[in-house]
Amino acid sequence: MATRTNAASQQILKSCGLVLAPLMVLAGCGASTKTEAPIANIPSPIPSNVPLIDVAPPAPALIGAHRGEDLWHLRSGLNVAVLLCQGPDNNAMVASYNKMLGTHKGLLSEAAQIEVNLYKAKGGKKWQDAYDDHMTKVYNAYSGTLTRDNFCGRSKTILTEAESATPIAFNDRATTMLYELNRAAGLPDPDGALARRSLTATQTVDARPAGTVATQR
């Protein structure tokens, strides 16, 4: 009886051994309990907030077709300014504008005639209509400014300078003043570069020999 029991026990152990061995192998293939060190968070420096400085490009030597035209357009823009800028500085601006007209009466009269002569030379019999249309566009450009505060502030500065300048200094500074005024008003072509390119292209087309046909591509 004991011999039969021992034999049965050995058989059970052998059977158990066949079952336990694979379990031990599976247990050895389980997930590792080793924990990895967390990745260190290295802070990056925050760049300093440097304000954007708007540096204006240098003024052109000429904006219109003549220095006199630049001066006349400057007067036109300043005329709009004293009518448009109805703030606490308006009385001072009107006084400066009137003084500028008196101080530089001869220079401004010459500038007005130069502008008229330019349109007489290229406008033919309809020069007056072309001139009137042109000046209307000039006035409308300034009166429709979307940057009124900048325009009014710059106009006041220019008027203060102009009323006390000598005629020679005022004439020499006219183009630069006009450029500053145009930029302050937010005009799309403050230095006249677009207008000059358009005029050059028109003159190139007009200069083609009669009968010339542009080649289509």
Protein backbone atom coordinates (compact mmCIF):
# COMPACT_ATOMS: atom_id res chain seq x y z
CA MET A 1 0.00 0.00 0.00
CA ALA A 2 2.85 2.40 0.89
CA THR A 3 4.68 1.53 -2.31
CA ARG A 4 1.60 2.29 -4.35
CA THR A 5 1.17 5.63 -2.54
CA ASN A 6 4.79 6.67 -3.15
CA ALA A 7 4.50 5.76 -6.78
CA ALA A 8 1.36 7.85 -7.10
CA SER A 9 3.04 10.80 -5.31
CA GLN A 10 6.02 10.64 -7.63
CA GLN A 11 3.70 10.54 -10.61
CA ILE A 12 1.88 13.64 -9.32
CA LEU A 13 5.19 15.45 -8.70
CA LYS A 14 6.37 14.62 -12.19
CA SER A 15 3.11 15.93 -13.57
CA CYS A 16 3.38 19.03 -11.43
CA GLY A 17 6.94 19.52 -12.54
CA LEU A 18 5.86 19.54 -16.16
CA VAL A 19 3.29 22.24 -15.34
CA LEU A 20 5.41 24.34 -12.96
CA ALA A 21 8.42 24.59 -15.27
CA PRO A 22 6.63 26.59 -17.99
CA LEU A 23 5.06 28.82 -15.33
CA MET A 24 8.52 29.62 -13.98
CA VAL A 25 9.71 30.52 -17.51
CA LEU A 26 6.68 32.75 -18.06
CA ALA A 27 7.25 34.41 -14.72
CA GLY A 28 10.84 35.22 -15.78
CA CYS A 29 9.55 36.94 -18.99
CA GLY A 30 7.25 39.26 -17.08
CA ALA A 31 7.57 43.10 -17.04
CA SER A 32 10.65 44.40 -15.32
CA THR A 33 10.02 46.11 -12.01
CA LYS A 34 12.99 48.47 -12.58
CA THR A 35 11.81 52.13 -12.80
CA GLU A 36 13.64 54.61 -15.05
CA ALA A 37 14.63 58.04 -13.79
CA PRO A 38 12.31 60.82 -15.08
CA ILE A 39 13.66 63.09 -17.83
CA ALA A 40 14.88 66.32 -16.34
CA ASN A 41 12.95 69.43 -17.50
CA ILE A 42 15.60 71.90 -18.62
CA PRO A 43 14.10 75.40 -18.68
CA SER A 44 14.87 77.45 -21.79
CA PRO A 45 15.50 81.19 -21.43
CA ILE A 46 12.64 83.45 -22.51
CA PRO A 47 13.77 86.06 -25.04
CA SER A 48 13.43 89.63 -23.94
CA ASN A 49 10.57 91.63 -25.43
CA VAL A 50 12.36 94.15 -27.63
CA PRO A 51 9.99 96.81 -28.97
CA LEU A 52 9.81 97.20 -32.75
CA ILE A 53 11.28 100.51 -33.85
CA ASP A 54 9.85 101.86 -37.08
CA VAL A 55 12.77 103.48 -38.85
CA ALA A 56 11.61 105.48 -41.84
CA PRO A 57 13.63 105.13 -45.03
CA PRO A 58 15.35 108.29 -46.22
CA ALA A 59 13.25 110.80 -48.11
CA PRO A 60 13.55 110.74 -51.91
CA ALA A 61 15.23 113.55 -53.80
CA LEU A 62 11.91 114.30 -55.51
CA ILE A 63 8.35 113.01 -55.21
CA GLY A 64 6.51 114.80 -58.00
CA ALA A 65 7.72 115.99 -61.36
CA HIS A 66 9.30 119.16 -59.93
CA ARG A 67 10.35 120.62 -56.58
CA GLY A 68 7.67 123.25 -57.09
CA GLU A 69 5.03 120.51 -57.40
CA ASP A 70 6.23 118.95 -54.14
CA LEU A 71 5.94 122.33 -52.43
CA TRP A 72 2.45 122.92 -53.81
CA HIS A 73 1.29 119.48 -52.72
CA LEU A 74 2.75 120.15 -49.28
CA ARG A 75 0.71 123.34 -49.02
CA SER A 76 -2.38 121.41 -50.11
CA GLY A 77 -1.85 118.73 -47.47
CA LEU A 78 -1.31 121.31 -44.74
CA ASN A 79 -4.44 123.14 -45.88
CA VAL A 80 -6.42 119.93 -45.36
CA ALA A 81 -4.81 119.48 -41.95
CA VAL A 82 -5.96 122.83 -40.53
CA LEU A 83 -9.51 122.00 -41.64
CA LEU A 84 -9.48 118.37 -40.53
CA CYS A 85 -7.62 118.52 -37.23
CA GLN A 86 -10.29 120.08 -35.02
CA GLY A 87 -8.57 119.48 -31.69
CA PRO A 88 -7.06 121.63 -28.95
CA ASP A 89 -4.13 122.50 -31.24
CA ASN A 90 -6.29 123.73 -34.11
CA ASN A 91 -6.01 127.45 -33.32
CA ALA A 92 -2.23 127.22 -33.17
CA MET A 93 -2.16 125.24 -36.44
CA VAL A 94 -4.35 127.81 -38.22
CA ALA A 95 -2.11 130.62 -37.00
CA SER A 96 1.01 128.79 -38.17
CA TYR A 97 -0.58 128.03 -41.54
CA ASN A 98 -1.54 131.67 -42.13
CA LYS A 99 1.92 132.82 -41.11
CA MET A 100 3.47 130.29 -43.49
CA LEU A 101 1.34 131.64 -46.35
CA GLY A 102 2.42 135.19 -45.60
CA THR A 103 6.11 134.44 -45.06
CA HIS A 104 6.44 132.30 -48.19
CA LYS A 105 3.88 134.03 -50.42
CA GLY A 106 6.30 134.48 -53.32
CA LEU A 107 7.66 130.94 -53.11
CA LEU A 108 4.19 129.39 -52.96
CA SER A 109 2.94 131.51 -55.87
CA GLU A 110 5.86 130.28 -57.93
CA ALA A 111 5.11 126.68 -56.91
CA ALA A 112 1.46 127.06 -57.93
CA GLN A 113 2.50 128.36 -61.35
CA ILE A 114 4.97 125.50 -61.82
CA GLU A 115 2.16 123.02 -61.17
CA VAL A 116 -0.10 124.76 -63.70
CA ASN A 117 2.68 124.85 -66.29
CA LEU A 118 3.27 121.12 -65.91
CA TYR A 119 -0.36 120.40 -66.80
CA LYS A 120 -0.42 122.95 -69.60
CA ALA A 121 2.60 121.27 -71.14
CA LYS A 122 1.10 117.78 -71.16
CA GLY A 123 -2.65 118.37 -71.05
CA GLY A 124 -3.25 120.24 -74.30
CA LYS A 125 -6.57 122.05 -74.56
CA LYS A 126 -7.98 120.03 -71.65
CA TRP A 127 -5.15 120.84 -69.25
CA GLN A 128 -7.51 122.68 -66.88
CA ASP A 129 -9.72 119.62 -66.44
CA ALA A 130 -6.68 117.41 -65.89
CA TYR A 131 -5.27 119.86 -63.36
CA ASP A 132 -8.56 120.15 -61.47
CA ASP A 133 -8.94 116.35 -61.35
CA HIS A 134 -5.40 116.00 -60.08
CA MET A 135 -5.78 118.55 -57.29
CA THR A 136 -9.10 117.01 -56.24
CA LYS A 137 -7.34 113.66 -55.85
CA VAL A 138 -4.59 115.30 -53.78
CA TYR A 139 -7.08 116.89 -51.37
CA ASN A 140 -9.17 113.73 -51.13
CA ALA A 141 -6.11 111.62 -50.35
CA TYR A 142 -5.31 113.68 -47.27
CA SER A 143 -8.90 114.23 -46.12
CA GLY A 144 -9.55 110.48 -46.30
CA THR A 145 -6.60 109.55 -44.08
CA LEU A 146 -7.16 106.61 -41.74
CA THR A 147 -4.33 107.73 -39.44
CA ARG A 148 -5.69 111.13 -38.45
CA ASP A 149 -3.80 111.42 -35.16
CA ASN A 150 -0.45 110.82 -36.84
CA PHE A 151 -1.37 113.13 -39.71
CA CYS A 152 -2.44 115.95 -37.42
CA GLY A 153 0.58 115.60 -35.16
CA ARG A 154 3.03 115.65 -38.07
CA SER A 155 1.21 118.56 -39.72
CA LYS A 156 1.55 120.64 -36.57
CA THR A 157 5.30 119.91 -36.43
CA ILE A 158 5.79 120.79 -40.10
CA LEU A 159 3.78 124.01 -39.78
CA THR A 160 5.87 125.09 -36.80
CA GLU A 161 9.03 124.56 -38.80
CA ALA A 162 7.70 126.09 -42.00
CA GLU A 163 6.44 129.35 -40.49
CA SER A 164 9.88 130.24 -39.14
CA ALA A 165 12.04 128.87 -41.98
CA THR A 166 13.69 131.07 -44.56
CA PRO A 167 12.36 130.73 -48.13
CA ILE A 168 15.55 128.91 -49.15
CA ALA A 169 15.33 126.46 -46.23
CA PHE A 170 11.61 125.90 -46.80
CA ASN A 171 12.19 125.20 -50.50
CA ASP A 172 15.05 122.81 -49.73
CA ARG A 173 13.00 120.95 -47.11
CA ALA A 174 9.77 120.79 -49.14
CA THR A 175 10.21 117.28 -50.51
CA THR A 176 11.28 115.86 -47.14
CA MET A 177 8.34 117.57 -45.40
CA LEU A 178 5.95 116.22 -48.03
CA TYR A 179 7.34 112.71 -47.60
CA GLU A 180 6.89 112.91 -43.83
CA LEU A 181 3.35 114.21 -44.26
CA ASN A 182 2.47 111.47 -46.75
CA ARG A 183 3.75 108.76 -44.42
CA ALA A 184 1.84 110.21 -41.49
CA ALA A 185 -1.34 110.28 -43.58
CA GLY A 186 -0.80 106.65 -44.59
CA LEU A 187 -0.81 107.40 -48.31
CA PRO A 188 -0.13 104.29 -50.44
CA ASP A 189 2.60 106.00 -52.47
CA PRO A 190 4.36 108.38 -50.05
CA ASP A 191 7.53 108.80 -52.07
CA GLY A 192 5.92 108.82 -55.52
CA ALA A 193 7.77 105.69 -56.67
CA LEU A 194 4.63 103.94 -57.92
CA ALA A 195 3.54 106.99 -59.88
CA ARG A 196 6.96 107.33 -61.50
CA ARG A 197 7.01 103.67 -62.55
CA SER A 198 3.51 103.98 -63.98
CA LEU A 199 4.50 107.13 -65.89
CA THR A 200 7.62 105.44 -67.24
CA ALA A 201 5.59 102.44 -68.44
CA THR A 202 3.08 104.75 -70.15
CA GLN A 203 5.82 106.73 -71.85
CA THR A 204 7.45 103.49 -73.03
CA VAL A 205 4.20 102.35 -74.65
CA ASP A 206 3.59 105.77 -76.23
CA ALA A 207 7.13 105.80 -77.64
CA ARG A 208 6.60 102.68 -79.74
CA PRO A 209 6.62 103.30 -83.52
CA ALA A 210 3.24 103.58 -85.21
CA GLY A 211 1.89 100.20 -86.25
CA THR A 212 3.83 98.31 -83.59
CA VAL A 213 1.76 95.53 -82.09
CA ALA A 214 2.66 94.07 -78.72
CA THR A 215 3.49 90.38 -78.89
CA GLN A 216 1.13 88.25 -76.83
CA ARG A 217 2.71 85.52 -74.74
